[in-house]
């Protein structure tokens, strides 16, 4: 079971004493940035592959995490934040600006839980653990696209 704990706590970032979700989102952003440094522009495709592969196992790991901690959606399960961030940057070409902007917008969206995110969180089991962050990631992606488009329309350089 130790390897499941390692995964659903995102390499134990879920055990940060304060704001474990933010710690896990920061961890996801750093993974994404390091991935870019190692793989270059291919990180966009690698990220897409990882997200696609991890959706179902993420739900199962959410189930395992709830059993492990003995309660619904405990704060130590942060794999959902990692996948949510990866979804937030999924359809964007890599840029440092986008990576950081997505981090902040994702955290705000995940904390505020706009409709229907809060309702989705009440789904039982691992799906309920994961899906609210997947939707927050999708919202973030749309918001980042809007900001980048507006910046381009106003002639601002978006590195």
N, C-alpha and C. Protein backbone atom coordinates (compact mmCIF):
# COMPACT_ATOMS: atom_id res chain seq x y z
N UNK A 1 0.82 -1.21 0.00
CA UNK A 1 0.00 0.00 0.00
C UNK A 1 0.86 1.26 0.00
N UNK A 2 2.12 1.18 0.37
CA UNK A 2 2.96 2.38 0.46
C UNK A 2 3.04 3.11 -0.87
N UNK A 3 3.05 2.36 -1.99
CA UNK A 3 3.16 3.01 -3.30
C UNK A 3 1.87 3.75 -3.65
N UNK A 4 0.72 3.24 -3.21
CA UNK A 4 -0.53 3.96 -3.43
C UNK A 4 -0.53 5.26 -2.64
N UNK A 5 -0.08 5.17 -1.38
CA UNK A 5 0.01 6.38 -0.56
C UNK A 5 0.96 7.39 -1.20
N UNK A 6 2.05 6.92 -1.73
CA UNK A 6 3.01 7.78 -2.42
C UNK A 6 2.34 8.52 -3.58
N UNK A 7 1.47 7.82 -4.31
CA UNK A 7 0.79 8.42 -5.45
C UNK A 7 -0.36 9.33 -5.06
N UNK A 8 -1.29 8.86 -4.19
CA UNK A 8 -2.44 9.72 -3.89
C UNK A 8 -2.08 10.92 -3.03
N UNK A 9 -0.89 10.88 -2.40
CA UNK A 9 -0.42 12.08 -1.68
C UNK A 9 0.58 12.87 -2.52
N UNK A 10 0.73 12.51 -3.80
CA UNK A 10 1.65 13.19 -4.72
C UNK A 10 3.04 13.32 -4.11
N UNK A 11 3.66 12.18 -3.91
CA UNK A 11 5.00 12.09 -3.29
C UNK A 11 5.03 12.77 -1.93
N UNK A 12 3.96 12.57 -1.17
CA UNK A 12 3.80 13.05 0.20
C UNK A 12 3.60 14.56 0.34
N UNK A 13 3.37 15.27 -0.76
CA UNK A 13 3.06 16.70 -0.62
C UNK A 13 1.73 16.90 0.09
N UNK A 14 0.88 15.88 0.07
CA UNK A 14 -0.40 15.95 0.78
C UNK A 14 -0.25 16.03 2.29
N UNK A 15 0.95 15.77 2.78
CA UNK A 15 1.18 15.85 4.23
C UNK A 15 1.71 17.21 4.67
N UNK A 16 1.79 18.18 3.74
CA UNK A 16 2.19 19.52 4.16
C UNK A 16 1.19 19.99 5.22
N UNK A 17 1.67 20.59 6.30
CA UNK A 17 0.76 20.95 7.40
C UNK A 17 -0.24 22.04 7.03
N UNK A 18 0.11 22.89 6.12
CA UNK A 18 -0.80 23.96 5.68
C UNK A 18 -0.92 23.92 4.16
N UNK A 19 -2.12 24.05 3.68
CA UNK A 19 -2.42 24.14 2.25
C UNK A 19 -1.78 23.02 1.42
N UNK A 20 -2.10 21.77 1.73
CA UNK A 20 -1.51 20.68 0.96
C UNK A 20 -1.92 20.71 -0.52
N UNK A 21 -3.12 21.21 -0.83
CA UNK A 21 -3.54 21.32 -2.22
C UNK A 21 -2.68 22.30 -3.00
N UNK A 22 -2.33 23.39 -2.36
CA UNK A 22 -1.46 24.38 -2.99
C UNK A 22 -0.06 23.80 -3.17
N UNK A 23 0.42 23.07 -2.16
CA UNK A 23 1.73 22.43 -2.27
C UNK A 23 1.76 21.45 -3.43
N UNK A 24 0.69 20.68 -3.59
CA UNK A 24 0.62 19.70 -4.68
C UNK A 24 0.52 20.39 -6.03
N UNK A 25 -0.22 21.49 -6.11
CA UNK A 25 -0.33 22.24 -7.37
C UNK A 25 1.02 22.85 -7.74
N UNK A 26 1.74 23.34 -6.75
CA UNK A 26 3.08 23.87 -6.98
C UNK A 26 4.00 22.74 -7.46
N UNK A 27 3.90 21.58 -6.83
CA UNK A 27 4.66 20.40 -7.25
C UNK A 27 4.35 20.06 -8.71
N UNK A 28 3.06 20.09 -9.09
CA UNK A 28 2.67 19.79 -10.47
C UNK A 28 3.26 20.81 -11.43
N UNK A 29 3.22 22.09 -11.05
CA UNK A 29 3.79 23.12 -11.92
C UNK A 29 5.30 22.92 -12.08
N UNK A 30 5.97 22.59 -10.99
CA UNK A 30 7.41 22.36 -11.07
C UNK A 30 7.72 21.13 -11.94
N UNK A 31 6.92 20.07 -11.82
CA UNK A 31 7.10 18.91 -12.69
C UNK A 31 6.95 19.30 -14.16
N UNK A 32 5.94 20.12 -14.43
CA UNK A 32 5.68 20.57 -15.80
C UNK A 32 6.86 21.40 -16.32
N UNK A 33 7.37 22.30 -15.49
CA UNK A 33 8.50 23.14 -15.90
C UNK A 33 9.78 22.31 -16.09
N UNK A 34 10.03 21.41 -15.17
CA UNK A 34 11.20 20.53 -15.32
C UNK A 34 11.05 19.66 -16.56
N UNK A 35 9.84 19.19 -16.79
CA UNK A 35 9.57 18.40 -18.01
C UNK A 35 9.90 19.19 -19.26
N UNK A 36 9.57 20.49 -19.25
CA UNK A 36 9.90 21.32 -20.40
C UNK A 36 11.41 21.45 -20.56
N UNK A 37 12.12 21.64 -19.46
CA UNK A 37 13.58 21.76 -19.52
C UNK A 37 14.22 20.48 -20.06
N UNK A 38 13.64 19.34 -19.75
CA UNK A 38 14.19 18.06 -20.19
C UNK A 38 13.74 17.69 -21.60
N UNK A 39 12.44 17.86 -21.87
CA UNK A 39 11.87 17.37 -23.13
C UNK A 39 11.51 18.46 -24.13
N UNK A 40 11.66 19.71 -23.76
CA UNK A 40 11.33 20.81 -24.67
C UNK A 40 9.84 20.85 -24.95
N UNK A 41 9.49 21.25 -26.15
CA UNK A 41 8.09 21.38 -26.56
C UNK A 41 7.31 20.08 -26.51
N UNK A 42 8.00 18.96 -26.48
CA UNK A 42 7.32 17.65 -26.39
C UNK A 42 6.58 17.48 -25.08
N UNK A 43 6.86 18.32 -24.09
CA UNK A 43 6.19 18.19 -22.80
C UNK A 43 4.68 18.32 -22.96
N UNK A 44 4.24 19.08 -23.95
CA UNK A 44 2.79 19.23 -24.18
C UNK A 44 2.18 17.86 -24.48
N UNK A 45 2.83 17.07 -25.32
CA UNK A 45 2.32 15.74 -25.67
C UNK A 45 2.51 14.76 -24.53
N UNK A 46 3.62 14.86 -23.82
CA UNK A 46 3.86 13.99 -22.68
C UNK A 46 2.81 14.25 -21.60
N UNK A 47 2.52 15.52 -21.35
CA UNK A 47 1.49 15.89 -20.38
C UNK A 47 0.14 15.31 -20.79
N UNK A 48 -0.21 15.42 -22.06
CA UNK A 48 -1.49 14.88 -22.54
C UNK A 48 -1.54 13.36 -22.32
N UNK A 49 -0.44 12.69 -22.60
CA UNK A 49 -0.37 11.24 -22.40
C UNK A 49 -0.52 10.88 -20.92
N UNK A 50 0.17 11.60 -20.05
CA UNK A 50 0.09 11.33 -18.61
C UNK A 50 -1.33 11.56 -18.11
N UNK A 51 -1.94 12.66 -18.51
CA UNK A 51 -3.32 12.94 -18.07
C UNK A 51 -4.24 11.82 -18.55
N UNK A 52 -4.15 11.45 -19.82
CA UNK A 52 -5.01 10.40 -20.36
C UNK A 52 -4.83 9.07 -19.65
N UNK A 53 -3.59 8.74 -19.36
CA UNK A 53 -3.30 7.47 -18.68
C UNK A 53 -3.76 7.50 -17.22
N UNK A 54 -3.68 8.65 -16.56
CA UNK A 54 -3.92 8.72 -15.12
C UNK A 54 -5.38 8.98 -14.71
N UNK A 55 -6.28 9.24 -15.65
CA UNK A 55 -7.65 9.55 -15.25
C UNK A 55 -8.29 8.40 -14.48
N UNK A 56 -8.33 7.22 -15.07
CA UNK A 56 -8.95 6.09 -14.38
C UNK A 56 -8.16 5.66 -13.13
N UNK A 57 -6.84 5.47 -13.23
CA UNK A 57 -6.11 5.13 -12.01
C UNK A 57 -6.25 6.20 -10.92
N UNK A 58 -6.41 7.45 -11.32
CA UNK A 58 -6.62 8.51 -10.33
C UNK A 58 -7.88 8.29 -9.51
N UNK A 59 -8.94 7.86 -10.19
CA UNK A 59 -10.20 7.57 -9.49
C UNK A 59 -9.99 6.41 -8.52
N UNK A 60 -9.34 5.38 -8.98
CA UNK A 60 -9.07 4.21 -8.12
C UNK A 60 -8.17 4.59 -6.94
N UNK A 61 -7.18 5.43 -7.20
CA UNK A 61 -6.31 5.88 -6.11
C UNK A 61 -7.07 6.77 -5.13
N UNK A 62 -8.03 7.54 -5.63
CA UNK A 62 -8.90 8.32 -4.75
C UNK A 62 -9.70 7.41 -3.83
N UNK A 63 -10.22 6.30 -4.39
CA UNK A 63 -10.92 5.30 -3.57
C UNK A 63 -9.99 4.76 -2.48
N UNK A 64 -8.78 4.39 -2.89
CA UNK A 64 -7.80 3.84 -1.93
C UNK A 64 -7.45 4.86 -0.86
N UNK A 65 -7.31 6.12 -1.25
CA UNK A 65 -6.98 7.17 -0.29
C UNK A 65 -8.08 7.38 0.74
N UNK A 66 -9.33 7.34 0.28
CA UNK A 66 -10.43 7.49 1.23
C UNK A 66 -10.47 6.33 2.21
N UNK A 67 -10.22 5.12 1.73
CA UNK A 67 -10.16 3.96 2.63
C UNK A 67 -8.98 4.10 3.60
N UNK A 68 -7.84 4.55 3.08
CA UNK A 68 -6.62 4.69 3.88
C UNK A 68 -6.82 5.67 5.04
N UNK A 69 -7.44 6.81 4.73
CA UNK A 69 -7.62 7.85 5.75
C UNK A 69 -8.95 7.72 6.49
N UNK A 70 -9.86 6.89 5.97
CA UNK A 70 -11.12 6.64 6.65
C UNK A 70 -12.11 7.77 6.62
N UNK A 71 -12.03 8.63 5.59
CA UNK A 71 -13.02 9.69 5.47
C UNK A 71 -13.14 10.17 4.04
N UNK A 72 -14.20 10.93 3.77
CA UNK A 72 -14.49 11.44 2.43
C UNK A 72 -13.53 12.57 2.08
N UNK A 73 -12.87 12.43 0.95
CA UNK A 73 -12.00 13.46 0.36
C UNK A 73 -11.08 14.14 1.39
N UNK A 74 -10.23 13.37 2.06
CA UNK A 74 -9.33 13.98 3.04
C UNK A 74 -8.32 14.90 2.35
N UNK A 75 -7.84 15.93 3.05
CA UNK A 75 -6.94 16.89 2.43
C UNK A 75 -5.60 16.30 2.00
N UNK A 76 -5.23 15.15 2.54
CA UNK A 76 -3.94 14.54 2.18
C UNK A 76 -3.95 13.95 0.77
N UNK A 77 -5.14 13.65 0.23
CA UNK A 77 -5.22 13.16 -1.15
C UNK A 77 -5.11 14.37 -2.06
N UNK A 78 -3.99 14.48 -2.75
CA UNK A 78 -3.73 15.66 -3.58
C UNK A 78 -3.40 15.30 -5.03
N UNK A 79 -3.50 14.03 -5.38
CA UNK A 79 -3.31 13.66 -6.78
C UNK A 79 -4.31 14.38 -7.66
N UNK A 80 -5.49 14.68 -7.12
CA UNK A 80 -6.50 15.41 -7.87
C UNK A 80 -6.02 16.82 -8.24
N UNK A 81 -5.28 17.47 -7.34
CA UNK A 81 -4.72 18.79 -7.66
C UNK A 81 -3.65 18.68 -8.75
N UNK A 82 -2.84 17.65 -8.68
CA UNK A 82 -1.80 17.45 -9.69
C UNK A 82 -2.45 17.26 -11.06
N UNK A 83 -3.44 16.38 -11.15
CA UNK A 83 -4.11 16.16 -12.43
C UNK A 83 -4.89 17.39 -12.87
N UNK A 84 -5.49 18.10 -11.91
CA UNK A 84 -6.22 19.33 -12.26
C UNK A 84 -5.30 20.36 -12.88
N UNK A 85 -4.11 20.53 -12.31
CA UNK A 85 -3.15 21.48 -12.89
C UNK A 85 -2.72 21.01 -14.28
N UNK A 86 -2.46 19.74 -14.42
CA UNK A 86 -2.03 19.22 -15.73
C UNK A 86 -3.13 19.41 -16.78
N UNK A 87 -4.39 19.31 -16.38
CA UNK A 87 -5.50 19.59 -17.29
C UNK A 87 -5.53 21.08 -17.62
N UNK A 88 -5.22 21.92 -16.65
CA UNK A 88 -5.23 23.38 -16.86
C UNK A 88 -4.26 23.80 -17.96
N UNK A 89 -3.14 23.10 -18.10
CA UNK A 89 -2.14 23.48 -19.11
C UNK A 89 -2.19 22.56 -20.34
N UNK A 90 -3.15 21.65 -20.35
CA UNK A 90 -3.20 20.60 -21.35
C UNK A 90 -3.20 21.08 -22.79
N UNK A 91 -3.98 22.08 -23.12
CA UNK A 91 -4.14 22.48 -24.51
C UNK A 91 -3.38 23.75 -24.87
N UNK A 92 -2.39 24.07 -24.08
CA UNK A 92 -1.60 25.28 -24.32
C UNK A 92 -0.17 24.92 -24.67
N UNK A 93 0.41 25.62 -25.66
CA UNK A 93 1.85 25.41 -25.89
C UNK A 93 2.59 25.90 -24.65
N UNK A 94 3.70 25.26 -24.34
CA UNK A 94 4.41 25.62 -23.12
C UNK A 94 4.92 27.05 -23.19
N UNK A 95 4.72 27.76 -22.09
CA UNK A 95 5.39 29.03 -21.84
C UNK A 95 5.47 29.18 -20.33
N UNK A 96 6.50 29.86 -19.89
CA UNK A 96 6.67 30.08 -18.45
C UNK A 96 5.50 30.89 -17.91
N UNK A 97 5.05 31.86 -18.68
CA UNK A 97 3.93 32.71 -18.28
C UNK A 97 2.68 31.87 -18.09
N UNK A 98 2.39 31.01 -19.06
CA UNK A 98 1.20 30.17 -18.98
C UNK A 98 1.29 29.23 -17.78
N UNK A 99 2.45 28.65 -17.54
CA UNK A 99 2.62 27.72 -16.43
C UNK A 99 2.30 28.39 -15.09
N UNK A 100 2.82 29.59 -14.90
CA UNK A 100 2.60 30.30 -13.63
C UNK A 100 1.17 30.83 -13.55
N UNK A 101 0.68 31.41 -14.63
CA UNK A 101 -0.69 31.92 -14.66
C UNK A 101 -1.69 30.80 -14.37
N UNK A 102 -1.48 29.65 -14.97
CA UNK A 102 -2.37 28.51 -14.75
C UNK A 102 -2.33 28.07 -13.28
N UNK A 103 -1.16 28.13 -12.67
CA UNK A 103 -1.06 27.75 -11.25
C UNK A 103 -1.98 28.63 -10.40
N UNK A 104 -1.85 29.95 -10.55
CA UNK A 104 -2.63 30.85 -9.72
C UNK A 104 -4.13 30.76 -10.01
N UNK A 105 -4.48 30.71 -11.28
CA UNK A 105 -5.90 30.63 -11.63
C UNK A 105 -6.48 29.28 -11.18
N UNK A 106 -5.71 28.21 -11.34
CA UNK A 106 -6.19 26.91 -10.89
C UNK A 106 -6.45 26.91 -9.39
N UNK A 107 -5.55 27.47 -8.61
CA UNK A 107 -5.76 27.49 -7.16
C UNK A 107 -7.01 28.28 -6.80
N UNK A 108 -7.20 29.44 -7.45
CA UNK A 108 -8.39 30.25 -7.17
C UNK A 108 -9.65 29.47 -7.56
N UNK A 109 -9.63 28.87 -8.73
CA UNK A 109 -10.79 28.12 -9.21
C UNK A 109 -11.06 26.91 -8.32
N UNK A 110 -10.01 26.23 -7.90
CA UNK A 110 -10.18 25.06 -7.04
C UNK A 110 -10.72 25.45 -5.67
N UNK A 111 -10.31 26.58 -5.15
CA UNK A 111 -10.77 27.02 -3.83
C UNK A 111 -12.21 27.54 -3.90
N UNK A 112 -12.52 28.35 -4.92
CA UNK A 112 -13.87 28.93 -5.04
C UNK A 112 -14.91 27.93 -5.50
N UNK A 113 -14.50 26.93 -6.25
CA UNK A 113 -15.36 25.87 -6.76
C UNK A 113 -16.64 26.41 -7.42
N UNK A 114 -16.48 27.08 -8.58
CA UNK A 114 -17.67 27.57 -9.28
C UNK A 114 -18.54 26.42 -9.77
N UNK A 115 -19.80 26.74 -10.04
CA UNK A 115 -20.76 25.73 -10.50
C UNK A 115 -20.23 25.01 -11.71
N UNK A 116 -20.37 23.74 -11.84
CA UNK A 116 -20.96 22.76 -10.94
C UNK A 116 -19.91 22.05 -10.09
N UNK A 117 -18.75 22.66 -9.94
CA UNK A 117 -17.62 21.99 -9.29
C UNK A 117 -17.95 21.54 -7.87
N UNK A 118 -18.55 22.39 -7.07
CA UNK A 118 -18.87 22.03 -5.68
C UNK A 118 -19.83 20.84 -5.64
N UNK A 119 -20.80 20.84 -6.51
CA UNK A 119 -21.78 19.75 -6.56
C UNK A 119 -21.10 18.44 -6.96
N UNK A 120 -20.17 18.49 -7.91
CA UNK A 120 -19.49 17.28 -8.36
C UNK A 120 -18.64 16.67 -7.25
N UNK A 121 -18.13 17.50 -6.37
CA UNK A 121 -17.29 17.03 -5.27
C UNK A 121 -18.07 16.10 -4.34
N UNK A 122 -19.40 16.21 -4.32
CA UNK A 122 -20.20 15.39 -3.41
C UNK A 122 -20.42 13.97 -3.94
N UNK A 123 -19.97 13.67 -5.16
CA UNK A 123 -20.07 12.31 -5.69
C UNK A 123 -19.24 11.39 -4.80
N UNK A 124 -19.77 10.22 -4.54
CA UNK A 124 -19.08 9.27 -3.66
C UNK A 124 -17.82 8.71 -4.31
N UNK A 125 -16.86 8.35 -3.45
CA UNK A 125 -15.67 7.63 -3.86
C UNK A 125 -14.63 8.48 -4.57
N UNK A 126 -13.74 7.77 -5.25
CA UNK A 126 -12.62 8.41 -5.93
C UNK A 126 -13.03 9.37 -7.02
N UNK A 127 -14.16 9.10 -7.69
CA UNK A 127 -14.62 10.03 -8.73
C UNK A 127 -14.94 11.39 -8.12
N UNK A 128 -15.58 11.39 -6.96
CA UNK A 128 -15.88 12.65 -6.27
C UNK A 128 -14.64 13.38 -5.82
N UNK A 129 -13.61 12.61 -5.46
CA UNK A 129 -12.33 13.21 -5.06
C UNK A 129 -11.70 13.93 -6.25
N UNK A 130 -11.74 13.28 -7.40
CA UNK A 130 -11.00 13.76 -8.58
C UNK A 130 -11.74 14.77 -9.44
N UNK A 131 -13.03 14.56 -9.67
CA UNK A 131 -13.72 15.28 -10.75
C UNK A 131 -13.81 16.79 -10.52
N UNK A 132 -13.92 17.24 -9.28
CA UNK A 132 -14.01 18.69 -9.06
C UNK A 132 -12.73 19.39 -9.49
N UNK A 133 -11.59 18.74 -9.30
CA UNK A 133 -10.32 19.34 -9.72
C UNK A 133 -10.12 19.24 -11.23
N UNK A 134 -10.66 18.19 -11.83
CA UNK A 134 -10.60 18.10 -13.30
C UNK A 134 -11.40 19.24 -13.93
N UNK A 135 -12.57 19.52 -13.36
CA UNK A 135 -13.40 20.62 -13.88
C UNK A 135 -12.72 21.96 -13.60
N UNK A 136 -12.14 22.11 -12.42
CA UNK A 136 -11.41 23.35 -12.11
C UNK A 136 -10.25 23.53 -13.09
N UNK A 137 -9.59 22.44 -13.45
CA UNK A 137 -8.52 22.51 -14.45
C UNK A 137 -9.04 22.93 -15.81
N UNK A 138 -10.21 22.41 -16.20
CA UNK A 138 -10.81 22.79 -17.48
C UNK A 138 -11.21 24.27 -17.48
N UNK A 139 -11.82 24.73 -16.38
CA UNK A 139 -12.15 26.15 -16.25
C UNK A 139 -10.89 27.00 -16.36
N UNK A 140 -9.85 26.57 -15.68
CA UNK A 140 -8.59 27.31 -15.71
C UNK A 140 -8.06 27.40 -17.13
N UNK A 141 -8.11 26.31 -17.86
CA UNK A 141 -7.62 26.29 -19.24
C UNK A 141 -8.35 27.32 -20.09
N UNK A 142 -9.66 27.39 -19.94
CA UNK A 142 -10.46 28.35 -20.71
C UNK A 142 -10.11 29.79 -20.31
N UNK A 143 -9.95 30.03 -19.01
CA UNK A 143 -9.60 31.38 -18.54
C UNK A 143 -8.22 31.78 -19.04
N UNK A 144 -7.26 30.87 -18.97
CA UNK A 144 -5.91 31.16 -19.47
C UNK A 144 -5.96 31.45 -20.96
N UNK A 145 -6.72 30.67 -21.70
CA UNK A 145 -6.86 30.93 -23.14
C UNK A 145 -7.41 32.34 -23.38
N UNK A 146 -8.42 32.73 -22.61
CA UNK A 146 -9.00 34.07 -22.75
C UNK A 146 -8.00 35.17 -22.43
N UNK A 147 -7.25 35.01 -21.37
CA UNK A 147 -6.25 36.01 -20.99
C UNK A 147 -5.16 36.11 -22.06
N UNK A 148 -4.67 34.96 -22.51
CA UNK A 148 -3.62 34.97 -23.55
C UNK A 148 -4.14 35.59 -24.84
N UNK A 149 -5.38 35.29 -25.20
CA UNK A 149 -5.96 35.87 -26.42
C UNK A 149 -6.11 37.38 -26.29
N UNK A 150 -6.56 37.83 -25.12
CA UNK A 150 -6.70 39.27 -24.91
C UNK A 150 -5.34 39.96 -24.95
N UNK A 151 -4.36 39.35 -24.34
CA UNK A 151 -3.01 39.94 -24.35
C UNK A 151 -2.49 40.04 -25.79
N UNK A 152 -2.71 39.01 -26.57
CA UNK A 152 -2.28 39.03 -27.98
C UNK A 152 -3.04 40.10 -28.75
N UNK A 153 -4.35 40.21 -28.51
CA UNK A 153 -5.17 41.19 -29.22
C UNK A 153 -4.72 42.63 -28.90
N UNK A 154 -4.21 42.84 -27.71
CA UNK A 154 -3.73 44.17 -27.33
C UNK A 154 -2.26 44.37 -27.62
N UNK A 155 -1.67 43.43 -28.33
CA UNK A 155 -0.28 43.57 -28.76
C UNK A 155 0.74 43.28 -27.68
N UNK A 156 0.31 42.66 -26.60
CA UNK A 156 1.24 42.32 -25.54
C UNK A 156 1.91 40.99 -25.87
N UNK A 157 3.19 40.92 -25.66
CA UNK A 157 3.93 39.71 -25.95
C UNK A 157 3.66 38.69 -24.84
N UNK A 158 3.34 37.47 -25.25
CA UNK A 158 3.09 36.40 -24.30
C UNK A 158 4.19 35.36 -24.48
N UNK A 159 5.22 35.43 -23.64
CA UNK A 159 6.31 34.46 -23.81
C UNK A 159 5.89 33.07 -23.39
